Protein backbone atom coordinates (compact mmCIF):
# COMPACT_ATOMS: atom_id res chain seq x y z
CA UNK A 1 0.00 0.00 0.00
CA UNK A 2 2.87 2.41 0.67
CA UNK A 3 4.46 1.94 -2.74
CA UNK A 4 4.87 5.30 -4.50
CA UNK A 5 2.78 4.19 -7.52
CA UNK A 6 -0.20 3.40 -5.29
CA UNK A 7 0.08 6.62 -3.28
CA UNK A 8 0.34 8.65 -6.50
CA UNK A 9 -2.74 6.89 -7.95
CA UNK A 10 -4.75 7.57 -4.79
CA UNK A 11 -3.60 11.19 -4.82
CA UNK A 12 -4.67 11.60 -8.43
CA UNK A 13 -8.19 10.41 -7.52
CA UNK A 14 -8.62 13.55 -5.39
CA UNK A 15 -8.32 15.96 -8.35
CA UNK A 16 -12.11 16.31 -8.61
CA UNK A 17 -12.74 16.38 -4.86
CA UNK A 18 -11.28 19.57 -3.33
CA UNK A 19 -12.75 19.03 0.14
CA UNK A 20 -11.64 15.42 0.49
CA UNK A 21 -8.48 13.88 1.83
CA UNK A 22 -7.16 10.37 2.28
CA UNK A 23 -5.30 9.49 5.46
CA UNK A 24 -2.82 6.64 5.17
CA UNK A 25 -1.50 4.98 8.26
CA UNK A 26 0.31 1.72 8.87
CA UNK A 27 -0.89 -1.31 10.77
CA UNK A 28 1.22 -4.38 10.12
CA UNK A 29 1.17 -6.99 12.90
CA UNK A 30 3.50 -9.23 10.86
CA UNK A 31 6.15 -6.51 10.92
CA UNK A 32 5.24 -5.42 14.47
CA UNK A 33 4.58 -1.92 13.09
CA UNK A 34 1.80 0.53 13.93
CA UNK A 35 1.92 4.14 12.72
CA UNK A 36 -1.10 6.35 13.43
CA UNK A 37 -2.51 8.85 10.89
CA UNK A 38 -0.73 11.83 12.48
CA UNK A 39 2.52 10.05 11.68
CA UNK A 40 1.41 8.81 8.27
CA UNK A 41 0.49 10.34 4.92
CA UNK A 42 -2.30 12.79 4.22
CA UNK A 43 -3.28 12.96 0.57
CA UNK A 44 -5.06 16.17 -0.41
CA UNK A 45 -5.93 17.73 -3.73
CA UNK A 46 -3.14 20.29 -3.23
CA UNK A 47 -0.45 17.75 -2.36
CA UNK A 48 0.81 15.07 -0.04
CA UNK A 49 1.69 15.79 3.56
CA UNK A 50 4.34 13.26 4.53
CA UNK A 51 4.47 12.84 8.29
CA UNK A 52 5.71 9.26 8.09
CA UNK A 53 8.07 8.31 10.88
CA UNK A 54 10.39 6.23 8.73
CA UNK A 55 12.43 5.06 11.71
CA UNK A 56 9.35 3.07 12.76
CA UNK A 57 9.05 1.42 9.34
CA UNK A 58 10.94 -1.62 8.10
CA UNK A 59 13.63 -0.54 5.62
CA UNK A 60 11.72 -1.97 2.64
CA UNK A 61 8.87 0.53 3.23
CA UNK A 62 10.87 3.74 3.60
CA UNK A 63 9.82 5.31 0.31
CA UNK A 64 10.13 8.98 -0.61
CA UNK A 65 7.05 10.45 -2.30
CA UNK A 66 7.55 12.84 -5.20
CA UNK A 67 6.05 16.25 -4.56
CA UNK A 68 5.34 15.56 -0.91
CA UNK A 69 6.05 17.99 1.90
CA UNK A 70 6.70 17.58 5.59
CA UNK A 71 3.99 18.84 7.95
CA UNK A 72 4.45 22.05 9.94
CA UNK A 73 5.82 21.61 13.46
CA UNK A 74 2.43 22.24 15.06
CA UNK A 75 0.65 19.79 12.74
CA UNK A 76 -2.39 18.04 14.21
CA UNK A 77 -4.76 15.95 12.13
CA UNK A 78 -7.75 16.54 14.37
PDB file of N, CA and C in Angstrom:
ATOM      1  N   UNK A   1       0.815  -1.207   0.000  1.00  0.00           N
ATOM      2  CA  UNK A   1       0.000   0.000   0.000  1.00  0.00           C
ATOM      3  C   UNK A   1       0.852   1.262   0.000  1.00  0.00           C
ATOM      4  N   UNK A   2       2.021   1.221   0.580  1.00  0.00           N
ATOM      5  CA  UNK A   2       2.873   2.407   0.669  1.00  0.00           C
ATOM      6  C   UNK A   2       3.717   2.651  -0.579  1.00  0.00           C
ATOM      7  N   UNK A   3       3.642   1.749  -1.535  1.00  0.00           N
ATOM      8  CA  UNK A   3       4.460   1.936  -2.745  1.00  0.00           C
ATOM      9  C   UNK A   3       4.101   3.260  -3.411  1.00  0.00           C
ATOM     10  N   UNK A   4       5.106   3.988  -3.893  1.00  0.00           N
ATOM     11  CA  UNK A   4       4.865   5.304  -4.504  1.00  0.00           C
ATOM     12  C   UNK A   4       3.824   5.296  -5.619  1.00  0.00           C
ATOM     13  N   UNK A   5       3.756   4.246  -6.427  1.00  0.00           N
ATOM     14  CA  UNK A   5       2.779   4.193  -7.519  1.00  0.00           C
ATOM     15  C   UNK A   5       1.348   4.186  -6.968  1.00  0.00           C
ATOM     16  N   UNK A   6       1.133   3.475  -5.886  1.00  0.00           N
ATOM     17  CA  UNK A   6      -0.204   3.396  -5.292  1.00  0.00           C
ATOM     18  C   UNK A   6      -0.578   4.730  -4.657  1.00  0.00           C
ATOM     19  N   UNK A   7       0.357   5.327  -3.921  1.00  0.00           N
ATOM     20  CA  UNK A   7       0.085   6.621  -3.283  1.00  0.00           C
ATOM     21  C   UNK A   7      -0.205   7.678  -4.344  1.00  0.00           C
ATOM     22  N   UNK A   8       0.569   7.679  -5.429  1.00  0.00           N
ATOM     23  CA  UNK A   8       0.338   8.648  -6.502  1.00  0.00           C
ATOM     24  C   UNK A   8      -1.036   8.436  -7.149  1.00  0.00           C
ATOM     25  N   UNK A   9      -1.423   7.183  -7.371  1.00  0.00           N
ATOM     26  CA  UNK A   9      -2.739   6.892  -7.953  1.00  0.00           C
ATOM     27  C   UNK A   9      -3.869   7.357  -7.034  1.00  0.00           C
ATOM     28  N   UNK A  10      -3.742   7.102  -5.743  1.00  0.00           N
ATOM     29  CA  UNK A  10      -4.752   7.574  -4.794  1.00  0.00           C
ATOM     30  C   UNK A  10      -4.814   9.094  -4.777  1.00  0.00           C
ATOM     31  N   UNK A  11      -3.660   9.725  -4.807  1.00  0.00           N
ATOM     32  CA  UNK A  11      -3.604  11.190  -4.815  1.00  0.00           C
ATOM     33  C   UNK A  11      -4.284  11.752  -6.053  1.00  0.00           C
ATOM     34  N   UNK A  12      -4.058  11.139  -7.184  1.00  0.00           N
ATOM     35  CA  UNK A  12      -4.672  11.599  -8.434  1.00  0.00           C
ATOM     36  C   UNK A  12      -6.196  11.500  -8.402  1.00  0.00           C
ATOM     37  N   UNK A  13      -6.737  10.559  -7.640  1.00  0.00           N
ATOM     38  CA  UNK A  13      -8.190  10.415  -7.525  1.00  0.00           C
ATOM     39  C   UNK A  13      -8.839  11.645  -6.888  1.00  0.00           C
ATOM     40  N   UNK A  14      -8.077  12.404  -6.118  1.00  0.00           N
ATOM     41  CA  UNK A  14      -8.624  13.549  -5.395  1.00  0.00           C
ATOM     42  C   UNK A  14      -8.759  14.806  -6.253  1.00  0.00           C
ATOM     43  N   UNK A  15      -8.308  14.771  -7.488  1.00  0.00           N
ATOM     44  CA  UNK A  15      -8.322  15.958  -8.350  1.00  0.00           C
ATOM     45  C   UNK A  15      -9.705  16.598  -8.458  1.00  0.00           C
ATOM     46  N   UNK A  16     -10.744  15.794  -8.461  1.00  0.00           N
ATOM     47  CA  UNK A  16     -12.110  16.310  -8.614  1.00  0.00           C
ATOM     48  C   UNK A  16     -12.838  16.495  -7.283  1.00  0.00           C
ATOM     49  N   UNK A  17     -12.120  16.313  -6.181  1.00  0.00           N
ATOM     50  CA  UNK A  17     -12.744  16.381  -4.860  1.00  0.00           C
ATOM     51  C   UNK A  17     -11.948  17.304  -3.934  1.00  0.00           C
ATOM     52  N   UNK A  18     -12.113  18.617  -4.076  1.00  0.00           N
ATOM     53  CA  UNK A  18     -11.275  19.568  -3.335  1.00  0.00           C
ATOM     54  C   UNK A  18     -11.426  19.503  -1.817  1.00  0.00           C
ATOM     55  N   UNK A  19     -12.543  19.056  -1.309  1.00  0.00           N
ATOM     56  CA  UNK A  19     -12.748  19.031   0.137  1.00  0.00           C
ATOM     57  C   UNK A  19     -12.441  17.674   0.764  1.00  0.00           C
ATOM     58  N   UNK A  20     -11.924  16.764  -0.002  1.00  0.00           N
ATOM     59  CA  UNK A  20     -11.643  15.416   0.492  1.00  0.00           C
ATOM     60  C   UNK A  20     -10.162  15.247   0.779  1.00  0.00           C
ATOM     61  N   UNK A  21      -9.865  14.292   1.633  1.00  0.00           N
ATOM     62  CA  UNK A  21      -8.485  13.878   1.833  1.00  0.00           C
ATOM     63  C   UNK A  21      -8.475  12.387   2.167  1.00  0.00           C
ATOM     64  N   UNK A  22      -7.343  11.769   1.944  1.00  0.00           N
ATOM     65  CA  UNK A  22      -7.159  10.365   2.276  1.00  0.00           C
ATOM     66  C   UNK A  22      -6.042  10.297   3.301  1.00  0.00           C
ATOM     67  N   UNK A  23      -6.302   9.644   4.408  1.00  0.00           N
ATOM     68  CA  UNK A  23      -5.302   9.490   5.462  1.00  0.00           C
ATOM     69  C   UNK A  23      -4.769   8.068   5.399  1.00  0.00           C
ATOM     70  N   UNK A  24      -3.464   7.946   5.280  1.00  0.00           N
ATOM     71  CA  UNK A  24      -2.822   6.642   5.169  1.00  0.00           C
ATOM     72  C   UNK A  24      -2.002   6.416   6.424  1.00  0.00           C
ATOM     73  N   UNK A  25      -2.314   5.338   7.110  1.00  0.00           N
ATOM     74  CA  UNK A  25      -1.499   4.976   8.256  1.00  0.00           C
ATOM     75  C   UNK A  25      -1.113   3.513   8.127  1.00  0.00           C
ATOM     76  N   UNK A  26      -0.254   3.054   8.996  1.00  0.00           N
ATOM     77  CA  UNK A  26       0.314   1.719   8.867  1.00  0.00           C
ATOM     78  C   UNK A  26      -0.083   0.867  10.062  1.00  0.00           C
ATOM     79  N   UNK A  27      -0.592  -0.313   9.755  1.00  0.00           N
ATOM     80  CA  UNK A  27      -0.895  -1.314  10.770  1.00  0.00           C
ATOM     81  C   UNK A  27      -0.459  -2.649  10.189  1.00  0.00           C
ATOM     82  N   UNK A  28       0.676  -3.136  10.653  1.00  0.00           N
ATOM     83  CA  UNK A  28       1.218  -4.379  10.122  1.00  0.00           C
ATOM     84  C   UNK A  28       1.681  -5.264  11.277  1.00  0.00           C
ATOM     85  N   UNK A  29       0.781  -6.111  11.792  1.00  0.00           N
ATOM     86  CA  UNK A  29       1.169  -6.994  12.896  1.00  0.00           C
ATOM     87  C   UNK A  29       2.344  -7.915  12.540  1.00  0.00           C
ATOM     88  N   UNK A  30       2.407  -8.345  11.280  1.00  0.00           N
ATOM     89  CA  UNK A  30       3.495  -9.230  10.863  1.00  0.00           C
ATOM     90  C   UNK A  30       4.854  -8.577  11.027  1.00  0.00           C
ATOM     91  N   UNK A  31       4.904  -7.263  10.813  1.00  0.00           N
ATOM     92  CA  UNK A  31       6.150  -6.507  10.917  1.00  0.00           C
ATOM     93  C   UNK A  31       6.276  -5.834  12.291  1.00  0.00           C
ATOM     94  N   UNK A  32       5.273  -6.056  13.155  1.00  0.00           N
ATOM     95  CA  UNK A  32       5.237  -5.420  14.471  1.00  0.00           C
ATOM     96  C   UNK A  32       5.324  -3.896  14.335  1.00  0.00           C
ATOM     97  N   UNK A  33       4.533  -3.349  13.396  1.00  0.00           N
ATOM     98  CA  UNK A  33       4.580  -1.918  13.089  1.00  0.00           C
ATOM     99  C   UNK A  33       3.179  -1.325  13.133  1.00  0.00           C
ATOM    100  N   UNK A  34       3.043  -0.244  13.891  1.00  0.00           N
ATOM    101  CA  UNK A  34       1.802   0.527  13.926  1.00  0.00           C
ATOM    102  C   UNK A  34       2.183   1.992  13.878  1.00  0.00           C
ATOM    103  N   UNK A  35       1.679   2.705  12.860  1.00  0.00           N
ATOM    104  CA  UNK A  35       1.917   4.144  12.723  1.00  0.00           C
ATOM    105  C   UNK A  35       0.558   4.801  12.559  1.00  0.00           C
ATOM    106  N   UNK A  36       0.219   5.703  13.459  1.00  0.00           N
ATOM    107  CA  UNK A  36      -1.099   6.346  13.426  1.00  0.00           C
ATOM    108  C   UNK A  36      -1.164   7.408  12.329  1.00  0.00           C
ATOM    109  N   UNK A  37      -2.363   7.887  11.987  1.00  0.00           N
ATOM    110  CA  UNK A  37      -2.510   8.850  10.889  1.00  0.00           C
ATOM    111  C   UNK A  37      -1.705  10.139  11.072  1.00  0.00           C
ATOM    112  N   UNK A  38      -1.522  10.606  12.294  1.00  0.00           N
ATOM    113  CA  UNK A  38      -0.733  11.828  12.482  1.00  0.00           C
ATOM    114  C   UNK A  38       0.737  11.610  12.147  1.00  0.00           C
ATOM    115  N   UNK A  39       1.148  10.366  12.059  1.00  0.00           N
ATOM    116  CA  UNK A  39       2.523  10.047  11.676  1.00  0.00           C
ATOM    117  C   UNK A  39       2.533   9.278  10.355  1.00  0.00           C
ATOM    118  N   UNK A  40       1.522   9.512   9.545  1.00  0.00           N
ATOM    119  CA  UNK A  40       1.408   8.813   8.269  1.00  0.00           C
ATOM    120  C   UNK A  40       1.435   9.773   7.101  1.00  0.00           C
ATOM    121  N   UNK A  41       0.598   9.503   6.110  1.00  0.00           N
ATOM    122  CA  UNK A  41       0.488  10.338   4.922  1.00  0.00           C
ATOM    123  C   UNK A  41      -0.912  10.915   4.856  1.00  0.00           C
ATOM    124  N   UNK A  42      -1.006  12.170   4.475  1.00  0.00           N
ATOM    125  CA  UNK A  42      -2.297  12.792   4.223  1.00  0.00           C
ATOM    126  C   UNK A  42      -2.286  13.223   2.769  1.00  0.00           C
ATOM    127  N   UNK A  43      -3.178  12.642   1.988  1.00  0.00           N
ATOM    128  CA  UNK A  43      -3.276  12.963   0.567  1.00  0.00           C
ATOM    129  C   UNK A  43      -4.405  13.962   0.404  1.00  0.00           C
ATOM    130  N   UNK A  44      -4.086  15.115  -0.151  1.00  0.00           N
ATOM    131  CA  UNK A  44      -5.065  16.167  -0.409  1.00  0.00           C
ATOM    132  C   UNK A  44      -4.939  16.595  -1.863  1.00  0.00           C
ATOM    133  N   UNK A  45      -5.950  17.253  -2.337  1.00  0.00           N
ATOM    134  CA  UNK A  45      -5.926  17.726  -3.726  1.00  0.00           C
ATOM    135  C   UNK A  45      -4.684  18.568  -4.007  1.00  0.00           C
ATOM    136  N   UNK A  46      -4.277  19.377  -3.032  1.00  0.00           N
ATOM    137  CA  UNK A  46      -3.141  20.291  -3.234  1.00  0.00           C
ATOM    138  C   UNK A  46      -1.782  19.668  -2.926  1.00  0.00           C
ATOM    139  N   UNK A  47      -1.742  18.390  -2.591  1.00  0.00           N
ATOM    140  CA  UNK A  47      -0.454  17.746  -2.363  1.00  0.00           C
ATOM    141  C   UNK A  47      -0.512  16.644  -1.333  1.00  0.00           C
ATOM    142  N   UNK A  48       0.661  16.154  -1.000  1.00  0.00           N
ATOM    143  CA  UNK A  48       0.806  15.066  -0.040  1.00  0.00           C
ATOM    144  C   UNK A  48       1.580  15.590   1.163  1.00  0.00           C
ATOM    145  N   UNK A  49       0.985  15.455   2.334  1.00  0.00           N
ATOM    146  CA  UNK A  49       1.692  15.786   3.560  1.00  0.00           C
ATOM    147  C   UNK A  49       2.302  14.486   4.076  1.00  0.00           C
ATOM    148  N   UNK A  50       3.608  14.472   4.155  1.00  0.00           N
ATOM    149  CA  UNK A  50       4.340  13.263   4.526  1.00  0.00           C
ATOM    150  C   UNK A  50       4.839  13.401   5.963  1.00  0.00           C
ATOM    151  N   UNK A  51       4.085  12.826   6.886  1.00  0.00           N
ATOM    152  CA  UNK A  51       4.469  12.843   8.294  1.00  0.00           C
ATOM    153  C   UNK A  51       4.965  11.471   8.733  1.00  0.00           C
ATOM    154  N   UNK A  52       5.283  10.612   7.766  1.00  0.00           N
ATOM    155  CA  UNK A  52       5.712   9.259   8.095  1.00  0.00           C
ATOM    156  C   UNK A  52       6.963   9.269   8.969  1.00  0.00           C
ATOM    157  N   UNK A  53       6.899   8.514  10.020  1.00  0.00           N
ATOM    158  CA  UNK A  53       8.066   8.311  10.880  1.00  0.00           C
ATOM    159  C   UNK A  53       8.799   7.087  10.332  1.00  0.00           C
ATOM    160  N   UNK A  54       9.714   7.324   9.426  1.00  0.00           N
ATOM    161  CA  UNK A  54      10.386   6.230   8.731  1.00  0.00           C
ATOM    162  C   UNK A  54      11.230   5.355   9.646  1.00  0.00           C
ATOM    163  N   UNK A  55      11.659   5.882  10.769  1.00  0.00           N
ATOM    164  CA  UNK A  55      12.428   5.064  11.707  1.00  0.00           C
ATOM    165  C   UNK A  55      11.583   3.936  12.280  1.00  0.00           C
ATOM    166  N   UNK A  56      10.262   4.098  12.264  1.00  0.00           N
ATOM    167  CA  UNK A  56       9.353   3.072  12.763  1.00  0.00           C
ATOM    168  C   UNK A  56       9.005   2.031  11.692  1.00  0.00           C
ATOM    169  N   UNK A  57       9.367   2.314  10.454  1.00  0.00           N
ATOM    170  CA  UNK A  57       9.049   1.416   9.339  1.00  0.00           C
ATOM    171  C   UNK A  57      10.197   0.469   9.048  1.00  0.00           C
ATOM    172  N   UNK A  58       9.883  -0.755   8.610  1.00  0.00           N
ATOM    173  CA  UNK A  58      10.944  -1.616   8.096  1.00  0.00           C
ATOM    174  C   UNK A  58      11.608  -0.935   6.891  1.00  0.00           C
ATOM    175  N   UNK A  59      12.855  -1.185   6.690  1.00  0.00           N
ATOM    176  CA  UNK A  59      13.633  -0.545   5.619  1.00  0.00           C
ATOM    177  C   UNK A  59      12.957  -0.647   4.255  1.00  0.00           C
ATOM    178  N   UNK A  60      12.323  -1.766   3.963  1.00  0.00           N
ATOM    179  CA  UNK A  60      11.724  -1.967   2.637  1.00  0.00           C
ATOM    180  C   UNK A  60      10.517  -1.068   2.372  1.00  0.00           C
ATOM    181  N   UNK A  61      10.023  -0.360   3.396  1.00  0.00           N
ATOM    182  CA  UNK A  61       8.867   0.527   3.232  1.00  0.00           C
ATOM    183  C   UNK A  61       9.211   2.004   3.379  1.00  0.00           C
ATOM    184  N   UNK A  62      10.451   2.346   3.381  1.00  0.00           N
ATOM    185  CA  UNK A  62      10.871   3.739   3.598  1.00  0.00           C
ATOM    186  C   UNK A  62      10.974   4.508   2.277  1.00  0.00           C
ATOM    187  N   UNK A  63       9.858   4.622   1.605  1.00  0.00           N
ATOM    188  CA  UNK A  63       9.815   5.307   0.315  1.00  0.00           C
ATOM    189  C   UNK A  63       9.806   6.822   0.504  1.00  0.00           C
ATOM    190  N   UNK A  64      10.249   7.524  -0.540  1.00  0.00           N
ATOM    191  CA  UNK A  64      10.126   8.978  -0.611  1.00  0.00           C
ATOM    192  C   UNK A  64       9.090   9.261  -1.689  1.00  0.00           C
ATOM    193  N   UNK A  65       8.161  10.173  -1.393  1.00  0.00           N
ATOM    194  CA  UNK A  65       7.055  10.446  -2.301  1.00  0.00           C
ATOM    195  C   UNK A  65       7.281  11.758  -3.029  1.00  0.00           C
ATOM    196  N   UNK A  66       7.327  11.678  -4.343  1.00  0.00           N
ATOM    197  CA  UNK A  66       7.551  12.835  -5.202  1.00  0.00           C
ATOM    198  C   UNK A  66       6.504  13.920  -4.946  1.00  0.00           C
ATOM    199  N   UNK A  67       6.956  15.125  -4.754  1.00  0.00           N
ATOM    200  CA  UNK A  67       6.050  16.251  -4.561  1.00  0.00           C
ATOM    201  C   UNK A  67       5.454  16.345  -3.166  1.00  0.00           C
ATOM    202  N   UNK A  68       5.892  15.495  -2.257  1.00  0.00           N
ATOM    203  CA  UNK A  68       5.337  15.556  -0.905  1.00  0.00           C
ATOM    204  C   UNK A  68       6.064  16.627  -0.092  1.00  0.00           C
ATOM    205  N   UNK A  69       5.424  17.011   1.006  1.00  0.00           N
ATOM    206  CA  UNK A  69       6.051  17.989   1.901  1.00  0.00           C
ATOM    207  C   UNK A  69       5.868  17.526   3.334  1.00  0.00           C
ATOM    208  N   UNK A  70       6.789  17.902   4.172  1.00  0.00           N
ATOM    209  CA  UNK A  70       6.701  17.580   5.589  1.00  0.00           C
ATOM    210  C   UNK A  70       5.647  18.475   6.235  1.00  0.00           C
ATOM    211  N   UNK A  71       4.995  18.022   7.287  1.00  0.00           N
ATOM    212  CA  UNK A  71       3.987  18.841   7.953  1.00  0.00           C
ATOM    213  C   UNK A  71       4.647  19.948   8.769  1.00  0.00           C
ATOM    214  N   UNK A  72       3.920  21.020   9.046  1.00  0.00           N
ATOM    215  CA  UNK A  72       4.446  22.049   9.939  1.00  0.00           C
ATOM    216  C   UNK A  72       4.664  21.481  11.337  1.00  0.00           C
ATOM    217  N   UNK A  73       5.497  22.121  12.124  1.00  0.00           N
ATOM    218  CA  UNK A  73       5.819  21.612  13.462  1.00  0.00           C
ATOM    219  C   UNK A  73       4.611  21.448  14.357  1.00  0.00           C
ATOM    220  N   UNK A  74       3.616  22.301  14.208  1.00  0.00           N
ATOM    221  CA  UNK A  74       2.429  22.244  15.059  1.00  0.00           C
ATOM    222  C   UNK A  74       1.308  21.416  14.429  1.00  0.00           C
ATOM    223  N   UNK A  75       1.626  20.560  13.481  1.00  0.00           N
ATOM    224  CA  UNK A  75       0.648  19.788  12.741  1.00  0.00           C
ATOM    225  C   UNK A  75      -0.153  18.868  13.651  1.00  0.00           C
ATOM    226  N   UNK A  76      -1.458  18.947  13.548  1.00  0.00           N
ATOM    227  CA  UNK A  76      -2.387  18.043  14.206  1.00  0.00           C
ATOM    228  C   UNK A  76      -3.467  17.684  13.215  1.00  0.00           C
ATOM    229  N   UNK A  77      -3.750  16.411  13.078  1.00  0.00           N
ATOM    230  CA  UNK A  77      -4.757  15.949  12.133  1.00  0.00           C
ATOM    231  C   UNK A  77      -6.157  16.338  12.580  1.00  0.00           C
ATOM    232  N   UNK A  78      -6.411  16.260  13.861  1.00  0.00           N
ATOM    233  CA  UNK A  78      -7.754  16.535  14.373  1.00  0.00           C
ATOM    234  C   UNK A  78      -7.828  17.854  15.080  1.00  0.00           C
TER     235      UNK A  78
END
